[in-house]
Amino acid sequence: MGNHLSSQKSFLPHIKEGAALRVSIPLKGITEKVRFPCFFDAATPPQFSLRFPLDSLDFDQVDSERPCTVMIDLAEQTVAVDADIVRFEPPCILHFQENESTTHTQTRNYFRVDATARVAASSVVPANMAREGESWRMLGDTIDLSGSGLLCAFSEPLEKGTRVRIELTLPTQDMDVINALGHVVRCRKIEEGLYHAALHFDLIDSESQDKIMACCFELQRRYLRMRVSLERPI
């Protein structure tokens, strides 16, 4: 559960230049914010700047009248920073003014990375023991991933608190399949036929959790390598 913090307590000094972050940005004509990978550029609190991969974000489509949400992973917590866009610096830098921050405690090293992978959620009741309506299975894709859970996109809603059997195919060369038991933390309708559901692992073996963390580290390394394309043009 998050703790609201005063804007006087800034987390910006704790972020290293070039750190891989993710930011949800409002776009014109779209209610839901769209998430983009980016890199921390510089900060003079309460102002800071983020650098985006070239051609990944069309500045003309950004709705600067609405706030953005920057997600920062620090040690044992994730920090969500609400910030206003104050200036565009073509071709790939946005400048922000930090507003309110919210922290979410998380298990150590269970940082979250953007990841697209196939996932299935199904009833915890075995099919041969299920009564009518108790047996079900939904296929979807992950949006982000961590050692403690995942955010998924499904075509149908899942009720908060529902216990689920999770089958996750990791986006790695070996395409390891992870099986776990969990529950639905929250589910939100994005548009007709699209729902975002946050699933938390309640029962998962240590080997599977290690594979997930190894996958997260590899994806983070890929994001860091993207910095090569972010050099300022001469």
Protein backbone atom coordinates (compact mmCIF):
# COMPACT_ATOMS: atom_id res chain seq x y z
CA MET A 1 0.00 0.00 0.00
CA GLY A 2 1.44 3.37 -0.99
CA ASN A 3 2.56 6.15 1.32
CA HIS A 4 2.04 9.69 0.07
CA LEU A 5 5.13 11.81 0.49
CA SER A 6 5.61 15.55 0.52
CA SER A 7 7.06 17.00 -2.64
CA GLN A 8 9.84 18.36 -0.40
CA LYS A 9 11.21 14.83 -0.08
CA SER A 10 12.56 14.34 -3.58
CA PHE A 11 13.80 11.00 -4.85
CA LEU A 12 15.58 12.64 -7.78
CA PRO A 13 19.01 12.85 -6.07
CA HIS A 14 18.95 9.04 -5.66
CA ILE A 15 18.68 8.39 -9.40
CA LYS A 16 21.87 7.86 -11.39
CA GLU A 17 22.28 9.56 -14.75
CA GLY A 18 21.40 7.09 -17.48
CA ALA A 19 19.22 4.91 -15.22
CA ALA A 20 16.52 3.02 -17.13
CA LEU A 21 13.03 4.18 -16.12
CA ARG A 22 9.49 3.95 -17.45
CA VAL A 23 7.02 6.78 -17.74
CA SER A 24 3.29 6.85 -18.48
CA ILE A 25 2.57 9.79 -20.77
CA PRO A 26 -0.85 11.19 -21.76
CA LEU A 27 -1.37 11.45 -25.50
CA LYS A 28 -3.86 13.66 -27.28
CA GLY A 29 -7.22 11.98 -27.90
CA ILE A 30 -6.42 9.00 -25.64
CA THR A 31 -7.78 8.72 -22.09
CA GLU A 32 -5.35 6.07 -20.87
CA LYS A 33 -1.70 7.05 -20.52
CA VAL A 34 0.80 5.17 -22.67
CA ARG A 35 3.95 3.73 -21.13
CA PHE A 36 7.36 4.44 -22.68
CA PRO A 37 10.88 3.27 -21.72
CA CYS A 38 13.30 6.13 -21.11
CA PHE A 39 16.52 7.11 -19.34
CA PHE A 40 17.22 9.60 -16.59
CA ASP A 41 19.11 12.53 -18.08
CA ALA A 42 19.66 15.17 -15.40
CA ALA A 43 18.02 16.81 -12.39
CA THR A 44 17.95 20.06 -10.46
CA PRO A 45 15.12 19.28 -8.03
CA PRO A 46 12.25 19.73 -8.38
CA GLN A 47 12.97 19.74 -12.14
CA PHE A 48 14.42 16.82 -14.09
CA SER A 49 14.71 15.57 -17.66
CA LEU A 50 14.23 12.21 -19.36
CA ARG A 51 15.76 11.00 -22.61
CA PHE A 52 13.78 8.74 -24.95
CA PRO A 53 14.95 6.38 -27.69
CA LEU A 54 15.02 8.24 -31.00
CA ASP A 55 11.70 8.03 -32.89
CA SER A 56 9.97 6.23 -29.98
CA LEU A 57 7.86 9.22 -28.89
CA ASP A 58 6.16 11.75 -31.16
CA PHE A 59 6.27 15.02 -29.24
CA ASP A 60 3.40 16.41 -31.33
CA GLN A 61 1.10 13.72 -29.88
CA VAL A 62 1.97 14.44 -26.22
CA ASP A 63 -0.74 16.13 -24.14
CA SER A 64 1.33 18.46 -21.95
CA GLU A 65 -1.79 19.70 -20.12
CA ARG A 66 -2.02 16.45 -18.16
CA PRO A 67 0.54 15.07 -15.68
CA CYS A 68 2.81 12.11 -16.33
CA THR A 69 3.77 9.26 -13.98
CA VAL A 70 7.43 8.23 -13.74
CA MET A 71 8.17 4.83 -12.20
CA ILE A 72 11.48 4.52 -10.32
CA ASP A 73 12.82 1.33 -8.71
CA LEU A 74 14.90 2.08 -5.60
CA ALA A 75 16.19 -0.73 -3.35
CA GLU A 76 13.12 -2.16 -1.58
CA GLN A 77 10.50 0.19 -3.01
CA THR A 78 9.06 1.48 -6.23
CA VAL A 79 8.47 5.21 -6.41
CA ALA A 80 5.75 6.70 -8.62
CA VAL A 81 6.43 10.38 -9.33
CA ASP A 82 3.65 12.56 -10.69
CA ALA A 83 5.21 15.27 -12.83
CA ASP A 84 4.19 18.03 -15.23
CA ILE A 85 5.85 18.53 -18.60
CA VAL A 86 7.48 21.95 -18.68
CA ARG A 87 9.50 21.85 -21.90
CA PHE A 88 10.22 19.79 -25.00
CA GLU A 89 13.80 19.51 -26.23
CA PRO A 90 13.88 17.88 -29.68
CA PRO A 91 14.66 15.34 -30.77
CA CYS A 92 14.30 13.13 -27.69
CA ILE A 93 14.29 14.94 -24.31
CA LEU A 94 11.38 15.98 -22.10
CA HIS A 95 11.79 18.30 -19.12
CA PHE A 96 9.53 17.83 -16.06
CA GLN A 97 8.52 19.48 -12.79
CA GLU A 98 8.25 16.96 -9.94
CA ASN A 99 4.99 17.04 -7.98
CA GLU A 100 3.77 14.40 -5.52
CA SER A 101 5.51 11.04 -5.01
CA THR A 102 4.07 7.75 -3.81
CA THR A 103 6.11 4.79 -2.58
CA HIS A 104 5.15 1.14 -2.84
CA THR A 105 7.07 -1.29 -0.64
CA GLN A 106 8.23 -4.37 -2.48
CA THR A 107 10.38 -7.39 -1.73
CA ARG A 108 14.08 -6.68 -2.15
CA ASN A 109 15.33 -6.94 -5.75
CA TYR A 110 11.82 -7.54 -7.09
CA PHE A 111 12.14 -4.64 -9.48
CA ARG A 112 9.68 -4.44 -12.36
CA VAL A 113 10.54 -4.26 -16.06
CA ASP A 114 8.42 -3.79 -19.17
CA ALA A 115 8.06 -7.17 -20.83
CA THR A 116 5.78 -8.68 -23.46
CA ALA A 117 5.22 -12.40 -22.97
CA ARG A 118 2.41 -14.91 -23.34
CA VAL A 119 0.49 -15.67 -20.18
CA ALA A 120 -2.50 -17.82 -19.27
CA ALA A 121 -4.71 -17.41 -16.22
CA SER A 122 -7.03 -20.22 -15.25
CA SER A 123 -9.19 -21.53 -12.44
CA VAL A 124 -7.41 -23.14 -9.50
CA VAL A 125 -10.13 -25.82 -9.45
CA PRO A 126 -9.05 -28.89 -11.50
CA ALA A 127 -11.24 -29.40 -14.56
CA ASN A 128 -12.28 -32.90 -13.44
CA MET A 129 -13.49 -31.52 -10.08
CA ALA A 130 -15.04 -28.28 -11.29
CA ARG A 131 -18.73 -27.58 -11.18
CA GLU A 132 -20.43 -25.65 -13.95
CA GLY A 133 -18.76 -22.28 -14.43
CA GLU A 134 -15.80 -23.09 -12.17
CA SER A 135 -13.46 -24.17 -14.95
CA TRP A 136 -12.11 -21.36 -17.13
CA ARG A 137 -8.92 -20.27 -18.89
CA MET A 138 -7.88 -16.91 -20.38
CA LEU A 139 -4.93 -16.14 -22.67
CA GLY A 140 -3.22 -12.77 -22.70
CA ASP A 141 0.08 -10.90 -22.78
CA THR A 142 2.17 -9.37 -20.03
CA ILE A 143 2.80 -5.63 -19.86
CA ASP A 144 5.44 -5.75 -17.16
CA LEU A 145 7.03 -8.41 -15.01
CA SER A 146 8.75 -8.85 -11.64
CA GLY A 147 9.67 -11.61 -9.23
CA SER A 148 6.52 -10.93 -7.23
CA GLY A 149 3.94 -10.68 -10.00
CA LEU A 150 2.96 -9.27 -13.37
CA LEU A 151 0.65 -6.86 -15.12
CA CYS A 152 -1.30 -8.48 -17.96
CA ALA A 153 -3.63 -7.54 -20.79
CA PHE A 154 -6.68 -9.77 -21.25
CA SER A 155 -9.77 -9.56 -23.44
CA GLU A 156 -12.07 -10.21 -20.45
CA PRO A 157 -12.10 -8.92 -16.87
CA LEU A 158 -10.91 -10.76 -13.77
CA GLU A 159 -12.52 -10.01 -10.43
CA LYS A 160 -10.27 -8.54 -7.73
CA GLY A 161 -9.24 -11.20 -5.21
CA THR A 162 -9.83 -14.14 -7.56
CA ARG A 163 -7.30 -16.95 -7.04
CA VAL A 164 -5.69 -17.95 -10.32
CA ARG A 165 -3.33 -20.52 -11.76
CA ILE A 166 -0.67 -18.66 -13.77
CA GLU A 167 1.26 -20.07 -16.73
CA LEU A 168 3.91 -17.65 -17.98
CA THR A 169 6.18 -18.17 -20.99
CA LEU A 170 9.31 -16.10 -20.36
CA PRO A 171 10.57 -13.98 -23.29
CA THR A 172 13.96 -15.69 -23.25
CA GLN A 173 15.84 -17.88 -25.70
CA ASP A 174 14.76 -21.04 -23.86
CA MET A 175 11.16 -19.80 -23.49
CA ASP A 176 10.87 -21.32 -20.02
CA VAL A 177 7.31 -21.90 -18.84
CA ILE A 178 6.63 -20.76 -15.27
CA ASN A 179 3.73 -22.19 -13.27
CA ALA A 180 2.50 -20.45 -10.14
CA LEU A 181 -0.57 -19.79 -8.03
CA GLY A 182 -1.63 -16.22 -7.37
CA HIS A 183 -4.49 -13.80 -7.05
CA VAL A 184 -5.86 -10.75 -8.84
CA VAL A 185 -4.70 -7.54 -7.15
CA ARG A 186 -6.73 -5.25 -9.40
CA CYS A 187 -8.34 -5.18 -12.84
CA ARG A 188 -9.16 -2.11 -14.92
CA LYS A 189 -11.08 -1.74 -18.17
CA ILE A 190 -8.99 0.10 -20.75
CA GLU A 191 -11.42 -0.11 -23.66
CA GLU A 192 -13.97 -2.54 -25.04
CA GLY A 193 -12.34 -5.97 -25.09
CA LEU A 194 -9.16 -4.87 -23.28
CA TYR A 195 -8.54 -5.18 -19.54
CA HIS A 196 -5.35 -4.71 -17.52
CA ALA A 197 -5.05 -7.13 -14.58
CA ALA A 198 -2.32 -7.12 -11.93
CA LEU A 199 -1.52 -10.63 -10.68
CA HIS A 200 0.51 -11.38 -7.54
CA PHE A 201 2.40 -14.66 -7.01
CA ASP A 202 1.23 -16.42 -3.84
CA LEU A 203 2.89 -19.78 -4.42
CA ILE A 204 5.91 -20.14 -6.71
CA ASP A 205 9.02 -22.31 -6.37
CA SER A 206 12.41 -20.65 -5.91
CA GLU A 207 13.82 -21.99 -9.21
CA SER A 208 10.98 -20.41 -11.17
CA GLN A 209 11.38 -17.14 -9.29
CA ASP A 210 15.12 -17.15 -10.06
CA LYS A 211 14.33 -17.63 -13.76
CA ILE A 212 11.96 -14.66 -13.70
CA MET A 213 14.57 -12.48 -12.01
CA ALA A 214 17.24 -13.56 -14.50
CA CYS A 215 14.84 -12.61 -17.30
CA CYS A 216 14.21 -9.20 -15.68
CA PHE A 217 17.94 -8.54 -15.40
CA GLU A 218 18.45 -9.48 -19.06
CA LEU A 219 15.63 -7.18 -20.18
CA GLN A 220 17.08 -4.38 -18.07
CA ARG A 221 20.46 -4.88 -19.75
CA ARG A 222 18.75 -4.60 -23.16
CA TYR A 223 17.17 -1.30 -22.12
CA LEU A 224 20.54 -0.01 -20.97
CA ARG A 225 22.10 -0.94 -24.32
CA MET A 226 19.47 1.26 -25.97
CA ARG A 227 21.39 4.21 -24.55
CA VAL A 228 23.80 3.84 -27.45
CA SER A 229 21.10 5.23 -29.74
CA LEU A 230 20.38 8.13 -27.42
CA GLU A 231 23.59 10.06 -27.91
CA ARG A 232 23.00 13.70 -28.67
CA PRO A 233 23.46 14.50 -32.37
CA ILE A 234 26.61 16.45 -33.10
